[in-house]
Amino acid sequence: MTTFKSILAQPGQPIRAEDWNKIQEGLVHDIAQLEAMLAKVKEYVDNMAETVLLSNIESTEGKAYGLNDPLPGEVGTYQTNVLGLITKQWLPARQGAAEICRFGLTDFFEHIYYWAAAEKGNKKTLEIGLEYVDGTNEKIKDLYIHDRRKLAPKGTDNPYVEYLLSPNEWVWYKYKLTNPHPDKEVRYINFRNINPESTPRIGNILHLRSKIKPISD
């Protein structure tokens, strides 16, 4: 702020040019500082995001197992009941290409993060469907899911965001999916196995992320 010292003028007394110039310079300086501060606040708010965590979610499709449950046709387990926030794994109710799970959302989001891994993974084996409240659908096909028995490199095909290791170093991977229509409210998200040679599983945790609505100019 300016260090201008106020001068008390008497009624009818003309103001000196140098005092008037100081006043204007101080006002211009203060306005410039205020505009700069408001620009920084706007930039900060425009980059803010809202994150919603959905845990212990249930599905009308597929079948849920504990992380330490022996699974049909598979040998070994994660050797723990909880890994991070994951407490259940959803698998298809039958072998081969089939629905894994279907979660209700009823929310808007730009990105959704899900946890997955696959028995005999490192293949394109997952399809995700988004069902919108307006009745339309969007399918994202041929998603690559990494193998659960050994930490795999991220690669360039559906790279994971992060991972969790169980006591026996089996893996859960966190993936990011971008909503093609973030202005539409999503009612359901569906996960489907499309590769009979692999068995992907989905953790019972979802993260929804959306930007805060920008401040108008």
Protein backbone atom coordinates (compact mmCIF):
# COMPACT_ATOMS: atom_id res chain seq x y z
CA MET A 1 0.00 0.00 0.00
CA THR A 2 1.05 3.64 -0.57
CA THR A 3 2.71 5.62 2.23
CA PHE A 4 0.88 8.81 1.20
CA LYS A 5 0.16 11.00 4.25
CA SER A 6 -3.28 12.54 4.25
CA ILE A 7 -3.61 16.33 4.32
CA LEU A 8 -6.71 17.93 5.86
CA ALA A 9 -7.82 20.75 3.57
CA GLN A 10 -10.13 23.60 4.56
CA PRO A 11 -13.38 24.31 2.68
CA GLY A 12 -12.67 26.28 -0.49
CA GLN A 13 -8.95 25.68 -0.25
CA PRO A 14 -7.49 24.60 -3.60
CA ILE A 15 -5.53 21.34 -3.66
CA ARG A 16 -1.94 21.53 -4.74
CA ALA A 17 -0.99 19.73 -7.95
CA GLU A 18 1.67 17.66 -6.23
CA ASP A 19 -0.84 16.47 -3.59
CA TRP A 20 -3.40 15.61 -6.28
CA ASN A 21 -0.78 13.65 -8.22
CA LYS A 22 0.21 11.70 -5.10
CA ILE A 23 -3.43 10.77 -4.47
CA GLN A 24 -3.84 9.51 -8.03
CA GLU A 25 -0.59 7.58 -7.93
CA GLY A 26 -1.65 5.91 -4.68
CA LEU A 27 -5.05 4.95 -6.09
CA VAL A 28 -3.55 3.51 -9.27
CA HIS A 29 -1.05 1.50 -7.22
CA ASP A 30 -3.76 0.15 -4.89
CA ILE A 31 -6.06 -0.80 -7.78
CA ALA A 32 -3.22 -2.63 -9.54
CA GLN A 33 -2.46 -4.59 -6.37
CA LEU A 34 -6.13 -5.47 -5.89
CA GLU A 35 -6.49 -6.65 -9.51
CA ALA A 36 -3.38 -8.83 -9.17
CA MET A 37 -4.71 -10.35 -5.95
CA LEU A 38 -8.13 -11.05 -7.50
CA ALA A 39 -6.45 -12.68 -10.52
CA LYS A 40 -4.53 -15.03 -8.22
CA VAL A 41 -7.70 -15.91 -6.28
CA LYS A 42 -9.57 -16.62 -9.53
CA GLU A 43 -6.73 -18.83 -10.81
CA TYR A 44 -6.68 -20.75 -7.52
CA VAL A 45 -10.45 -21.30 -7.44
CA ASP A 46 -10.59 -22.23 -11.13
CA ASN A 47 -8.06 -25.00 -10.47
CA MET A 48 -9.82 -26.36 -7.39
CA ALA A 49 -11.34 -29.82 -7.69
CA GLU A 50 -13.93 -31.72 -5.73
CA THR A 51 -13.21 -35.36 -4.91
CA VAL A 52 -15.86 -37.85 -3.79
CA LEU A 53 -14.86 -41.21 -2.30
CA LEU A 54 -17.29 -44.13 -2.58
CA SER A 55 -16.31 -47.06 -0.39
CA ASN A 56 -17.82 -50.49 0.30
CA ILE A 57 -20.03 -50.12 -2.77
CA GLU A 58 -22.36 -52.96 -3.72
CA SER A 59 -23.29 -54.34 -7.12
CA THR A 60 -26.36 -56.01 -8.58
CA GLU A 61 -24.09 -57.93 -10.98
CA GLY A 62 -21.18 -60.30 -10.45
CA LYS A 63 -20.06 -61.76 -7.16
CA ALA A 64 -18.03 -60.27 -4.31
CA TYR A 65 -15.23 -62.10 -2.51
CA GLY A 66 -12.94 -61.14 0.33
CA LEU A 67 -9.32 -60.44 -0.54
CA ASN A 68 -8.25 -63.56 1.36
CA ASP A 69 -11.01 -65.82 0.03
CA PRO A 70 -10.01 -68.79 -2.16
CA LEU A 71 -11.54 -68.19 -5.59
CA PRO A 72 -12.90 -70.79 -8.03
CA GLY A 73 -10.30 -71.72 -10.63
CA GLU A 74 -7.53 -69.66 -8.99
CA VAL A 75 -4.65 -70.60 -6.69
CA GLY A 76 -3.56 -68.29 -3.86
CA THR A 77 -5.01 -65.14 -2.31
CA TYR A 78 -3.91 -61.63 -1.36
CA GLN A 79 -3.18 -62.94 2.17
CA THR A 80 -4.94 -60.00 3.78
CA ASN A 81 -8.52 -58.93 4.43
CA VAL A 82 -7.93 -55.23 3.78
CA LEU A 83 -5.55 -53.49 1.39
CA GLY A 84 -5.69 -49.70 1.50
CA LEU A 85 -9.45 -49.08 1.48
CA ILE A 86 -10.22 -52.18 -0.59
CA THR A 87 -12.14 -54.85 1.35
CA LYS A 88 -13.84 -56.78 -1.46
CA GLN A 89 -13.11 -57.82 -5.02
CA TRP A 90 -15.89 -58.11 -7.57
CA LEU A 91 -15.60 -60.85 -10.19
CA PRO A 92 -17.91 -62.19 -12.92
CA ALA A 93 -20.45 -64.70 -11.65
CA ARG A 94 -19.32 -67.04 -14.44
CA GLN A 95 -16.08 -67.72 -16.29
CA GLY A 96 -15.24 -66.00 -19.57
CA ALA A 97 -16.63 -62.78 -21.01
CA ALA A 98 -19.27 -61.51 -18.57
CA GLU A 99 -20.40 -58.65 -16.36
CA ILE A 100 -18.06 -58.06 -13.42
CA CYS A 101 -20.06 -55.49 -11.47
CA ARG A 102 -22.45 -52.54 -11.76
CA PHE A 103 -22.27 -49.61 -9.34
CA GLY A 104 -24.88 -46.89 -8.86
CA LEU A 105 -23.50 -43.32 -8.83
CA THR A 106 -26.06 -40.61 -9.72
CA ASP A 107 -23.44 -37.88 -9.87
CA PHE A 108 -21.48 -35.59 -12.19
CA PHE A 109 -17.73 -36.08 -12.61
CA GLU A 110 -14.88 -35.44 -15.03
CA HIS A 111 -12.70 -38.37 -13.99
CA ILE A 112 -13.30 -41.58 -12.11
CA TYR A 113 -10.58 -43.66 -10.49
CA TYR A 114 -11.10 -47.40 -9.98
CA TRP A 115 -8.98 -50.23 -8.59
CA ALA A 116 -8.47 -53.36 -10.69
CA ALA A 117 -6.12 -56.27 -11.34
CA ALA A 118 -6.32 -59.42 -13.40
CA GLU A 119 -5.56 -63.10 -13.09
CA LYS A 120 -3.56 -63.86 -16.27
CA GLY A 121 -3.51 -60.13 -16.87
CA ASN A 122 -1.35 -57.75 -18.91
CA LYS A 123 -4.01 -57.90 -21.61
CA LYS A 124 -6.87 -55.82 -23.00
CA THR A 125 -9.64 -57.40 -20.97
CA LEU A 126 -11.96 -54.72 -19.58
CA GLU A 127 -14.89 -52.73 -20.94
CA ILE A 128 -16.44 -49.89 -18.93
CA GLY A 129 -19.93 -48.58 -19.63
CA LEU A 130 -21.37 -45.29 -18.38
CA GLU A 131 -25.16 -45.03 -18.17
CA TYR A 132 -26.41 -41.44 -17.97
CA VAL A 133 -29.57 -40.17 -16.32
CA ASP A 134 -30.85 -38.92 -19.71
CA GLY A 135 -30.92 -42.52 -21.01
CA THR A 136 -27.78 -42.38 -23.16
CA ASN A 137 -24.80 -44.73 -22.83
CA GLU A 138 -21.07 -44.61 -23.48
CA LYS A 139 -18.72 -47.59 -23.67
CA ILE A 140 -14.95 -47.49 -23.29
CA LYS A 141 -13.59 -50.72 -24.73
CA ASP A 142 -10.39 -52.77 -24.76
CA LEU A 143 -8.92 -51.42 -21.55
CA TYR A 144 -5.61 -52.99 -20.58
CA ILE A 145 -5.46 -54.42 -17.05
CA HIS A 146 -2.15 -55.41 -15.47
CA ASP A 147 -1.44 -58.78 -13.85
CA ARG A 148 -2.14 -59.13 -10.14
CA ARG A 149 0.59 -61.64 -9.23
CA LYS A 150 3.59 -59.45 -10.01
CA LEU A 151 4.00 -55.69 -10.28
CA ALA A 152 3.99 -54.85 -13.99
CA PRO A 153 5.49 -51.79 -15.71
CA LYS A 154 2.97 -49.00 -16.38
CA GLY A 155 3.50 -49.03 -20.12
CA THR A 156 1.54 -46.72 -22.42
CA ASP A 157 -1.70 -48.73 -22.72
CA ASN A 158 -4.04 -47.65 -19.88
CA PRO A 159 -1.14 -46.89 -17.47
CA TYR A 160 -2.04 -47.12 -13.79
CA VAL A 161 -1.91 -44.10 -11.47
CA GLU A 162 -0.62 -45.95 -8.40
CA TYR A 163 -0.58 -49.45 -6.93
CA LEU A 164 -0.90 -51.37 -3.65
CA LEU A 165 1.09 -54.46 -2.68
CA SER A 166 -0.28 -57.18 -0.42
CA PRO A 167 1.90 -59.05 2.12
CA ASN A 168 2.83 -61.58 -0.59
CA GLU A 169 3.39 -58.71 -3.08
CA TRP A 170 0.31 -59.36 -5.16
CA VAL A 171 -0.94 -56.14 -6.70
CA TRP A 172 -3.96 -53.84 -7.00
CA TYR A 173 -3.70 -51.05 -9.59
CA LYS A 174 -5.50 -47.70 -9.58
CA TYR A 175 -6.66 -46.52 -13.01
CA LYS A 176 -8.12 -43.24 -14.28
CA LEU A 177 -11.10 -43.02 -16.66
CA THR A 178 -12.15 -39.72 -18.23
CA ASN A 179 -15.89 -39.16 -18.62
CA PRO A 180 -16.61 -38.30 -22.30
CA HIS A 181 -19.64 -36.24 -21.20
CA PRO A 182 -18.84 -34.52 -17.87
CA ASP A 183 -21.91 -32.28 -18.26
CA LYS A 184 -24.18 -35.34 -18.00
CA GLU A 185 -25.18 -36.97 -14.73
CA VAL A 186 -24.04 -40.61 -14.51
CA ARG A 187 -26.49 -43.11 -13.04
CA TYR A 188 -24.46 -46.34 -13.30
CA ILE A 189 -20.97 -47.49 -14.14
CA ASN A 190 -20.61 -51.04 -15.47
CA PHE A 191 -17.47 -53.17 -15.61
CA ARG A 192 -17.35 -56.11 -18.02
CA ASN A 193 -14.73 -58.74 -18.82
CA ILE A 194 -14.32 -59.10 -22.58
CA ASN A 195 -11.36 -61.52 -22.71
CA PRO A 196 -12.03 -65.17 -21.76
CA GLU A 197 -8.26 -65.72 -21.33
CA SER A 198 -8.11 -63.30 -18.38
CA THR A 199 -10.12 -62.69 -15.21
CA PRO A 200 -10.10 -59.05 -14.08
CA ARG A 201 -11.46 -58.03 -10.70
CA ILE A 202 -12.67 -54.63 -9.47
CA GLY A 203 -12.15 -53.28 -5.95
CA ASN A 204 -15.09 -51.88 -3.99
CA ILE A 205 -13.71 -48.31 -4.03
CA LEU A 206 -14.34 -45.48 -6.50
CA HIS A 207 -12.99 -41.91 -6.55
CA LEU A 208 -14.93 -39.24 -8.46
CA ARG A 209 -13.13 -36.00 -9.36
CA SER A 210 -14.55 -32.79 -10.84
CA LYS A 211 -13.32 -29.22 -11.18
CA ILE A 212 -15.09 -26.54 -9.15
CA LYS A 213 -17.21 -24.37 -11.43
CA PRO A 214 -14.99 -21.46 -12.58
CA ILE A 215 -15.61 -17.90 -11.41
CA SER A 216 -17.05 -15.79 -14.22
CA ASP A 217 -15.12 -12.71 -15.30
